[in-house]
Amino acid sequence: MNTQIKIPPTIIAADNLAKAECAPRAKVFCQLHEVTSPTVTTEAAAHYLNRRPQTLRLHSCNDNGPVRPLRINGRLAWPVADLKRVLGVA
């Protein structure tokens, strides 16, 4: 005898919601050629350069990275024009 237990759809939906809430939230960045602001955050610059944000912070401290950030009130702002130049994006 083959008996299967039917699970109500509301329980399945609640289970999927719980799994989605536990998953780490990934930041979504638009493509570099679509960026309209003159600068981006360290996290965005790291995404475009395929590096970790801490690597860019280290480059900033040592002044030896491919892009030199602007320091605005103690925060790093990475020029989009320089990122596009380094990556060859028109």
PDB file of N, CA and C in Angstrom:
ATOM      1  N   MET A   1       0.835  -1.162   0.000  1.00  0.00           N
ATOM      2  CA  MET A   1       0.000   0.000   0.000  1.00  0.00           C
ATOM      3  C   MET A   1       0.893   1.243   0.000  1.00  0.00           C
ATOM      4  N   ASN A   2       0.654   2.127  -0.932  1.00  0.00           N
ATOM      5  CA  ASN A   2       1.481   3.319  -1.111  1.00  0.00           C
ATOM      6  C   ASN A   2       0.685   4.548  -0.657  1.00  0.00           C
ATOM      7  N   THR A   3       0.995   5.026   0.532  1.00  0.00           N
ATOM      8  CA  THR A   3       0.289   6.212   1.035  1.00  0.00           C
ATOM      9  C   THR A   3       1.262   7.381   1.106  1.00  0.00           C
ATOM     10  N   GLN A   4       0.816   8.495   0.631  1.00  0.00           N
ATOM     11  CA  GLN A   4       1.630   9.702   0.688  1.00  0.00           C
ATOM     12  C   GLN A   4       0.903  10.751   1.499  1.00  0.00           C
ATOM     13  N   ILE A   5       1.651  11.488   2.241  1.00  0.00           N
ATOM     14  CA  ILE A   5       1.068  12.543   3.060  1.00  0.00           C
ATOM     15  C   ILE A   5       1.102  13.836   2.258  1.00  0.00           C
ATOM     16  N   LYS A   6      -0.036  14.472   2.157  1.00  0.00           N
ATOM     17  CA  LYS A   6      -0.127  15.753   1.453  1.00  0.00           C
ATOM     18  C   LYS A   6       0.177  16.878   2.435  1.00  0.00           C
ATOM     19  N   ILE A   7       1.116  17.730   2.070  1.00  0.00           N
ATOM     20  CA  ILE A   7       1.460  18.877   2.898  1.00  0.00           C
ATOM     21  C   ILE A   7       0.735  20.092   2.334  1.00  0.00           C
ATOM     22  N   PRO A   8       0.022  20.830   3.180  1.00  0.00           N
ATOM     23  CA  PRO A   8      -0.692  22.012   2.690  1.00  0.00           C
ATOM     24  C   PRO A   8       0.277  23.039   2.096  1.00  0.00           C
ATOM     25  N   PRO A   9      -0.134  23.744   1.026  1.00  0.00           N
ATOM     26  CA  PRO A   9       0.751  24.714   0.372  1.00  0.00           C
ATOM     27  C   PRO A   9       1.209  25.836   1.293  1.00  0.00           C
ATOM     28  N   THR A  10       0.408  26.183   2.289  1.00  0.00           N
ATOM     29  CA  THR A  10       0.811  27.268   3.193  1.00  0.00           C
ATOM     30  C   THR A  10       2.028  26.870   4.016  1.00  0.00           C
ATOM     31  N   ILE A  11       2.135  25.604   4.374  1.00  0.00           N
ATOM     32  CA  ILE A  11       3.300  25.146   5.132  1.00  0.00           C
ATOM     33  C   ILE A  11       4.533  25.146   4.242  1.00  0.00           C
ATOM     34  N   ILE A  12       4.383  24.740   3.005  1.00  0.00           N
ATOM     35  CA  ILE A  12       5.508  24.749   2.067  1.00  0.00           C
ATOM     36  C   ILE A  12       5.991  26.179   1.832  1.00  0.00           C
ATOM     37  N   ALA A  13       5.065  27.108   1.647  1.00  0.00           N
ATOM     38  CA  ALA A  13       5.424  28.505   1.425  1.00  0.00           C
ATOM     39  C   ALA A  13       6.144  29.084   2.645  1.00  0.00           C
ATOM     40  N   ALA A  14       5.674  28.760   3.837  1.00  0.00           N
ATOM     41  CA  ALA A  14       6.302  29.250   5.062  1.00  0.00           C
ATOM     42  C   ALA A  14       7.710  28.684   5.205  1.00  0.00           C
ATOM     43  N   ASP A  15       7.895  27.423   4.826  1.00  0.00           N
ATOM     44  CA  ASP A  15       9.211  26.800   4.896  1.00  0.00           C
ATOM     45  C   ASP A  15      10.178  27.480   3.927  1.00  0.00           C
ATOM     46  N   ASN A  16       9.721  27.755   2.715  1.00  0.00           N
ATOM     47  CA  ASN A  16      10.567  28.448   1.738  1.00  0.00           C
ATOM     48  C   ASN A  16      10.916  29.855   2.207  1.00  0.00           C
ATOM     49  N   LEU A  17       9.989  30.553   2.825  1.00  0.00           N
ATOM     50  CA  LEU A  17      10.235  31.888   3.341  1.00  0.00           C
ATOM     51  C   LEU A  17      11.288  31.849   4.441  1.00  0.00           C
ATOM     52  N   ALA A  18      11.199  30.863   5.318  1.00  0.00           N
ATOM     53  CA  ALA A  18      12.172  30.737   6.399  1.00  0.00           C
ATOM     54  C   ALA A  18      13.564  30.470   5.838  1.00  0.00           C
ATOM     55  N   LYS A  19      13.662  29.648   4.803  1.00  0.00           N
ATOM     56  CA  LYS A  19      14.962  29.379   4.194  1.00  0.00           C
ATOM     57  C   LYS A  19      15.523  30.640   3.544  1.00  0.00           C
ATOM     58  N   ALA A  20      14.671  31.437   2.904  1.00  0.00           N
ATOM     59  CA  ALA A  20      15.119  32.662   2.254  1.00  0.00           C
ATOM     60  C   ALA A  20      15.599  33.681   3.282  1.00  0.00           C
ATOM     61  N   GLU A  21      14.949  33.741   4.435  1.00  0.00           N
ATOM     62  CA  GLU A  21      15.353  34.688   5.456  1.00  0.00           C
ATOM     63  C   GLU A  21      16.682  34.302   6.094  1.00  0.00           C
ATOM     64  N   CYS A  22      17.015  33.025   6.103  1.00  0.00           N
ATOM     65  CA  CYS A  22      18.262  32.576   6.703  1.00  0.00           C
ATOM     66  C   CYS A  22      19.451  32.737   5.755  1.00  0.00           C
ATOM     67  N   ALA A  23      19.177  32.833   4.471  1.00  0.00           N
ATOM     68  CA  ALA A  23      20.255  32.937   3.494  1.00  0.00           C
ATOM     69  C   ALA A  23      20.930  34.298   3.612  1.00  0.00           C
ATOM     70  N   PRO A  24      22.255  34.362   3.446  1.00  0.00           N
ATOM     71  CA  PRO A  24      22.935  35.659   3.506  1.00  0.00           C
ATOM     72  C   PRO A  24      22.473  36.548   2.353  1.00  0.00           C
ATOM     73  N   ARG A  25      22.331  37.788   2.649  1.00  0.00           N
ATOM     74  CA  ARG A  25      21.857  38.726   1.632  1.00  0.00           C
ATOM     75  C   ARG A  25      23.035  39.215   0.800  1.00  0.00           C
ATOM     76  N   ALA A  26      22.948  39.001  -0.483  1.00  0.00           N
ATOM     77  CA  ALA A  26      23.987  39.459  -1.394  1.00  0.00           C
ATOM     78  C   ALA A  26      23.603  40.833  -1.923  1.00  0.00           C
ATOM     79  N   LYS A  27      24.581  41.723  -1.994  1.00  0.00           N
ATOM     80  CA  LYS A  27      24.321  43.039  -2.553  1.00  0.00           C
ATOM     81  C   LYS A  27      24.267  42.923  -4.056  1.00  0.00           C
ATOM     82  N   VAL A  28      23.401  43.697  -4.638  1.00  0.00           N
ATOM     83  CA  VAL A  28      23.243  43.684  -6.083  1.00  0.00           C
ATOM     84  C   VAL A  28      23.781  45.000  -6.625  1.00  0.00           C
ATOM     85  N   PHE A  29      24.715  44.908  -7.552  1.00  0.00           N
ATOM     86  CA  PHE A  29      25.299  46.087  -8.164  1.00  0.00           C
ATOM     87  C   PHE A  29      24.919  46.103  -9.637  1.00  0.00           C
ATOM     88  N   CYS A  30      24.623  47.294 -10.152  1.00  0.00           N
ATOM     89  CA  CYS A  30      24.341  47.385 -11.580  1.00  0.00           C
ATOM     90  C   CYS A  30      25.662  47.310 -12.339  1.00  0.00           C
ATOM     91  N   GLN A  31      25.580  47.135 -13.622  1.00  0.00           N
ATOM     92  CA  GLN A  31      26.784  47.017 -14.432  1.00  0.00           C
ATOM     93  C   GLN A  31      27.523  48.352 -14.439  1.00  0.00           C
ATOM     94  N   LEU A  32      28.835  48.290 -14.574  1.00  0.00           N
ATOM     95  CA  LEU A  32      29.656  49.481 -14.444  1.00  0.00           C
ATOM     96  C   LEU A  32      29.306  50.541 -15.483  1.00  0.00           C
ATOM     97  N   HIS A  33      28.971  50.129 -16.696  1.00  0.00           N
ATOM     98  CA  HIS A  33      28.662  51.134 -17.715  1.00  0.00           C
ATOM     99  C   HIS A  33      27.313  51.820 -17.463  1.00  0.00           C
ATOM    100  N   GLU A  34      26.515  51.303 -16.518  1.00  0.00           N
ATOM    101  CA  GLU A  34      25.235  51.911 -16.169  1.00  0.00           C
ATOM    102  C   GLU A  34      25.321  52.853 -14.970  1.00  0.00           C
ATOM    103  N   VAL A  35      26.469  52.901 -14.300  1.00  0.00           N
ATOM    104  CA  VAL A  35      26.621  53.738 -13.109  1.00  0.00           C
ATOM    105  C   VAL A  35      26.675  55.200 -13.537  1.00  0.00           C
ATOM    106  N   THR A  36      25.848  56.045 -12.893  1.00  0.00           N
ATOM    107  CA  THR A  36      25.793  57.458 -13.250  1.00  0.00           C
ATOM    108  C   THR A  36      26.443  58.365 -12.211  1.00  0.00           C
ATOM    109  N   SER A  37      26.677  57.874 -11.002  1.00  0.00           N
ATOM    110  CA  SER A  37      27.307  58.700  -9.978  1.00  0.00           C
ATOM    111  C   SER A  37      28.808  58.796 -10.251  1.00  0.00           C
ATOM    112  N   PRO A  38      29.447  59.880  -9.822  1.00  0.00           N
ATOM    113  CA  PRO A  38      30.883  60.034 -10.083  1.00  0.00           C
ATOM    114  C   PRO A  38      31.770  59.091  -9.280  1.00  0.00           C
ATOM    115  N   THR A  39      31.273  58.624  -8.127  1.00  0.00           N
ATOM    116  CA  THR A  39      32.056  57.706  -7.292  1.00  0.00           C
ATOM    117  C   THR A  39      31.160  56.569  -6.801  1.00  0.00           C
ATOM    118  N   VAL A  40      31.809  55.491  -6.365  1.00  0.00           N
ATOM    119  CA  VAL A  40      31.095  54.352  -5.774  1.00  0.00           C
ATOM    120  C   VAL A  40      31.748  53.995  -4.450  1.00  0.00           C
ATOM    121  N   THR A  41      31.060  53.176  -3.664  1.00  0.00           N
ATOM    122  CA  THR A  41      31.575  52.735  -2.373  1.00  0.00           C
ATOM    123  C   THR A  41      32.696  51.714  -2.558  1.00  0.00           C
ATOM    124  N   THR A  42      33.365  51.423  -1.469  1.00  0.00           N
ATOM    125  CA  THR A  42      34.433  50.420  -1.503  1.00  0.00           C
ATOM    126  C   THR A  42      33.882  49.057  -1.895  1.00  0.00           C
ATOM    127  N   GLU A  43      32.699  48.709  -1.385  1.00  0.00           N
ATOM    128  CA  GLU A  43      32.100  47.414  -1.706  1.00  0.00           C
ATOM    129  C   GLU A  43      31.789  47.310  -3.194  1.00  0.00           C
ATOM    130  N   ALA A  44      31.265  48.386  -3.775  1.00  0.00           N
ATOM    131  CA  ALA A  44      30.952  48.368  -5.206  1.00  0.00           C
ATOM    132  C   ALA A  44      32.228  48.299  -6.038  1.00  0.00           C
ATOM    133  N   ALA A  45      33.232  49.086  -5.671  1.00  0.00           N
ATOM    134  CA  ALA A  45      34.502  49.063  -6.407  1.00  0.00           C
ATOM    135  C   ALA A  45      35.141  47.677  -6.339  1.00  0.00           C
ATOM    136  N   ALA A  46      35.074  47.042  -5.175  1.00  0.00           N
ATOM    137  CA  ALA A  46      35.620  45.690  -5.034  1.00  0.00           C
ATOM    138  C   ALA A  46      34.867  44.712  -5.921  1.00  0.00           C
ATOM    139  N   HIS A  47      33.564  44.882  -6.021  1.00  0.00           N
ATOM    140  CA  HIS A  47      32.770  44.020  -6.899  1.00  0.00           C
ATOM    141  C   HIS A  47      33.223  44.174  -8.347  1.00  0.00           C
ATOM    142  N   TYR A  48      33.360  45.413  -8.808  1.00  0.00           N
ATOM    143  CA  TYR A  48      33.739  45.649 -10.206  1.00  0.00           C
ATOM    144  C   TYR A  48      35.161  45.175 -10.501  1.00  0.00           C
ATOM    145  N   LEU A  49      36.063  45.301  -9.526  1.00  0.00           N
ATOM    146  CA  LEU A  49      37.454  44.883  -9.738  1.00  0.00           C
ATOM    147  C   LEU A  49      37.697  43.420  -9.380  1.00  0.00           C
ATOM    148  N   ASN A  50      36.656  42.724  -8.924  1.00  0.00           N
ATOM    149  CA  ASN A  50      36.757  41.319  -8.529  1.00  0.00           C
ATOM    150  C   ASN A  50      37.800  41.125  -7.424  1.00  0.00           C
ATOM    151  N   ARG A  51      37.700  41.992  -6.427  1.00  0.00           N
ATOM    152  CA  ARG A  51      38.573  41.922  -5.258  1.00  0.00           C
ATOM    153  C   ARG A  51      37.720  42.012  -4.012  1.00  0.00           C
ATOM    154  N   ARG A  52      38.293  41.703  -2.865  1.00  0.00           N
ATOM    155  CA  ARG A  52      37.600  41.872  -1.584  1.00  0.00           C
ATOM    156  C   ARG A  52      37.697  43.345  -1.171  1.00  0.00           C
ATOM    157  N   PRO A  53      36.685  43.861  -0.477  1.00  0.00           N
ATOM    158  CA  PRO A  53      36.755  45.258  -0.035  1.00  0.00           C
ATOM    159  C   PRO A  53      37.986  45.556   0.808  1.00  0.00           C
ATOM    160  N   GLN A  54      38.384  44.612   1.642  1.00  0.00           N
ATOM    161  CA  GLN A  54      39.557  44.841   2.480  1.00  0.00           C
ATOM    162  C   GLN A  54      40.827  45.000   1.646  1.00  0.00           C
ATOM    163  N   THR A  55      40.898  44.336   0.509  1.00  0.00           N
ATOM    164  CA  THR A  55      42.056  44.492  -0.380  1.00  0.00           C
ATOM    165  C   THR A  55      42.132  45.926  -0.889  1.00  0.00           C
ATOM    166  N   LEU A  56      40.993  46.497  -1.257  1.00  0.00           N
ATOM    167  CA  LEU A  56      40.999  47.879  -1.735  1.00  0.00           C
ATOM    168  C   LEU A  56      41.338  48.847  -0.612  1.00  0.00           C
ATOM    169  N   ARG A  57      40.889  48.564   0.600  1.00  0.00           N
ATOM    170  CA  ARG A  57      41.252  49.415   1.729  1.00  0.00           C
ATOM    171  C   ARG A  57      42.756  49.377   1.967  1.00  0.00           C
ATOM    172  N   LEU A  58      43.353  48.209   1.812  1.00  0.00           N
ATOM    173  CA  LEU A  58      44.800  48.071   1.963  1.00  0.00           C
ATOM    174  C   LEU A  58      45.527  48.845   0.866  1.00  0.00           C
ATOM    175  N   HIS A  59      45.054  48.748  -0.372  1.00  0.00           N
ATOM    176  CA  HIS A  59      45.644  49.535  -1.465  1.00  0.00           C
ATOM    177  C   HIS A  59      45.543  51.023  -1.165  1.00  0.00           C
ATOM    178  N   SER A  60      44.434  51.424  -0.571  1.00  0.00           N
ATOM    179  CA  SER A  60      44.238  52.825  -0.237  1.00  0.00           C
ATOM    180  C   SER A  60      45.257  53.295   0.807  1.00  0.00           C
ATOM    181  N   CYS A  61      45.494  52.472   1.813  1.00  0.00           N
ATOM    182  CA  CYS A  61      46.460  52.834   2.864  1.00  0.00           C
ATOM    183  C   CYS A  61      47.885  52.896   2.323  1.00  0.00           C
ATOM    184  N   ASN A  62      48.222  51.972   1.441  1.00  0.00           N
ATOM    185  CA  ASN A  62      49.589  51.889   0.914  1.00  0.00           C
ATOM    186  C   ASN A  62      49.808  52.719  -0.345  1.00  0.00           C
ATOM    187  N   ASP A  63      48.741  53.300  -0.890  1.00  0.00           N
ATOM    188  CA  ASP A  63      48.808  54.067  -2.155  1.00  0.00           C
ATOM    189  C   ASP A  63      49.472  53.275  -3.272  1.00  0.00           C
ATOM    190  N   ASN A  64      49.097  51.996  -3.422  1.00  0.00           N
ATOM    191  CA  ASN A  64      49.722  51.191  -4.456  1.00  0.00           C
ATOM    192  C   ASN A  64      48.725  50.409  -5.313  1.00  0.00           C
ATOM    193  N   GLY A  65      47.463  50.785  -5.278  1.00  0.00           N
ATOM    194  CA  GLY A  65      46.466  50.045  -6.039  1.00  0.00           C
ATOM    195  C   GLY A  65      46.282  50.591  -7.445  1.00  0.00           C
ATOM    196  N   PRO A  66      45.472  49.920  -8.242  1.00  0.00           N
ATOM    197  CA  PRO A  66      45.232  50.367  -9.615  1.00  0.00           C
ATOM    198  C   PRO A  66      44.393  51.640  -9.686  1.00  0.00           C
ATOM    199  N   VAL A  67      43.630  51.918  -8.635  1.00  0.00           N
ATOM    200  CA  VAL A  67      42.783  53.109  -8.592  1.00  0.00           C
ATOM    201  C   VAL A  67      43.018  53.804  -7.259  1.00  0.00           C
ATOM    202  N   ARG A  68      43.165  55.106  -7.288  1.00  0.00           N
ATOM    203  CA  ARG A  68      43.348  55.874  -6.061  1.00  0.00           C
ATOM    204  C   ARG A  68      42.001  56.448  -5.632  1.00  0.00           C
ATOM    205  N   PRO A  69      41.558  56.145  -4.424  1.00  0.00           N
ATOM    206  CA  PRO A  69      40.252  56.638  -3.982  1.00  0.00           C
ATOM    207  C   PRO A  69      40.319  58.085  -3.509  1.00  0.00           C
ATOM    208  N   LEU A  70      39.169  58.716  -3.485  1.00  0.00           N
ATOM    209  CA  LEU A  70      39.028  60.023  -2.862  1.00  0.00           C
ATOM    210  C   LEU A  70      38.630  59.794  -1.420  1.00  0.00           C
ATOM    211  N   ARG A  71      39.110  60.631  -0.534  1.00  0.00           N
ATOM    212  CA  ARG A  71      38.720  60.528   0.868  1.00  0.00           C
ATOM    213  C   ARG A  71      37.763  61.677   1.168  1.00  0.00           C
ATOM    214  N   ILE A  72      36.526  61.328   1.471  1.00  0.00           N
ATOM    215  CA  ILE A  72      35.492  62.314   1.741  1.00  0.00           C
ATOM    216  C   ILE A  72      35.006  62.109   3.168  1.00  0.00           C
ATOM    217  N   ASN A  73      35.350  63.053   4.041  1.00  0.00           N
ATOM    218  CA  ASN A  73      34.987  62.961   5.466  1.00  0.00           C
ATOM    219  C   ASN A  73      35.413  61.628   6.071  1.00  0.00           C
ATOM    220  N   GLY A  74      36.598  61.175   5.750  1.00  0.00           N
ATOM    221  CA  GLY A  74      37.124  59.940   6.316  1.00  0.00           C
ATOM    222  C   GLY A  74      36.637  58.672   5.646  1.00  0.00           C
ATOM    223  N   ARG A  75      35.823  58.809   4.615  1.00  0.00           N
ATOM    224  CA  ARG A  75      35.330  57.631   3.888  1.00  0.00           C
ATOM    225  C   ARG A  75      35.980  57.575   2.518  1.00  0.00           C
ATOM    226  N   LEU A  76      36.065  56.370   1.997  1.00  0.00           N
ATOM    227  CA  LEU A  76      36.672  56.187   0.677  1.00  0.00           C
ATOM    228  C   LEU A  76      35.589  56.228  -0.395  1.00  0.00           C
ATOM    229  N   ALA A  77      35.862  56.975  -1.447  1.00  0.00           N
ATOM    230  CA  ALA A  77      34.969  57.038  -2.605  1.00  0.00           C
ATOM    231  C   ALA A  77      35.824  56.745  -3.829  1.00  0.00           C
ATOM    232  N   TRP A  78      35.428  55.763  -4.593  1.00  0.00           N
ATOM    233  CA  TRP A  78      36.226  55.305  -5.727  1.00  0.00           C
ATOM    234  C   TRP A  78      35.675  55.903  -7.018  1.00  0.00           C
ATOM    235  N   PRO A  79      36.492  56.683  -7.748  1.00  0.00           N
ATOM    236  CA  PRO A  79      36.021  57.330  -8.977  1.00  0.00           C
ATOM    237  C   PRO A  79      35.632  56.316 -10.047  1.00  0.00           C
ATOM    238  N   VAL A  80      34.432  56.471 -10.560  1.00  0.00           N
ATOM    239  CA  VAL A  80      33.916  55.561 -11.583  1.00  0.00           C
ATOM    240  C   VAL A  80      34.736  55.672 -12.861  1.00  0.00           C
ATOM    241  N   ALA A  81      35.153  56.876 -13.203  1.00  0.00           N
ATOM    242  CA  ALA A  81      35.946  57.072 -14.423  1.00  0.00           C
ATOM    243  C   ALA A  81      37.253  56.278 -14.358  1.00  0.00           C
ATOM    244  N   ASP A  82      37.897  56.263 -13.198  1.00  0.00           N
ATOM    245  CA  ASP A  82      39.134  55.498 -13.048  1.00  0.00           C
ATOM    246  C   ASP A  82      38.870  53.994 -13.105  1.00  0.00           C
ATOM    247  N   LEU A  83      37.766  53.555 -12.508  1.00  0.00           N
ATOM    248  CA  LEU A  83      37.424  52.128 -12.579  1.00  0.00           C
ATOM    249  C   LEU A  83      37.176  51.710 -14.029  1.00  0.00           C
ATOM    250  N   LYS A  84      36.469  52.552 -14.776  1.00  0.00           N
ATOM    251  CA  LYS A  84      36.200  52.238 -16.183  1.00  0.00           C
ATOM    252  C   LYS A  84      37.495  52.205 -16.990  1.00  0.00           C
ATOM    253  N   ARG A  85      38.420  53.127 -16.674  1.00  0.00           N
ATOM    254  CA  ARG A  85      39.705  53.161 -17.389  1.00  0.00           C
ATOM    255  C   ARG A  85      40.504  51.894 -17.115  1.00  0.00           C
ATOM    256  N   VAL A  86      40.559  51.473 -15.867  1.00  0.00           N
ATOM    257  CA  VAL A  86      41.331  50.275 -15.490  1.00  0.00           C
ATOM    258  C   VAL A  86      40.724  49.025 -16.132  1.00  0.00           C
ATOM    259  N   LEU A  87      39.402  48.958 -16.166  1.00  0.00           N
ATOM    260  CA  LEU A  87      38.736  47.773 -16.694  1.00  0.00           C
ATOM    261  C   LEU A  87      38.501  47.825 -18.194  1.00  0.00           C
ATOM    262  N   GLY A  88      38.782  48.955 -18.813  1.00  0.00           N
ATOM    263  CA  GLY A  88      38.593  49.077 -20.265  1.00  0.00           C
ATOM    264  C   GLY A  88      37.147  49.165 -20.685  1.00  0.00           C
ATOM    265  N   VAL A  89      36.308  49.736 -19.810  1.00  0.00           N
ATOM    266  CA  VAL A  89      34.885  49.891 -20.137  1.00  0.00           C
ATOM    267  C   VAL A  89      34.677  51.296 -20.688  1.00  0.00           C
ATOM    268  N   ALA A  90      34.000  51.375 -21.832  1.00  0.00           N
ATOM    269  CA  ALA A  90      33.786  52.701 -22.447  1.00  0.00           C
ATOM    270  C   ALA A  90      32.706  53.470 -21.749  1.00  0.00           C
TER     271      ALA A  90
END
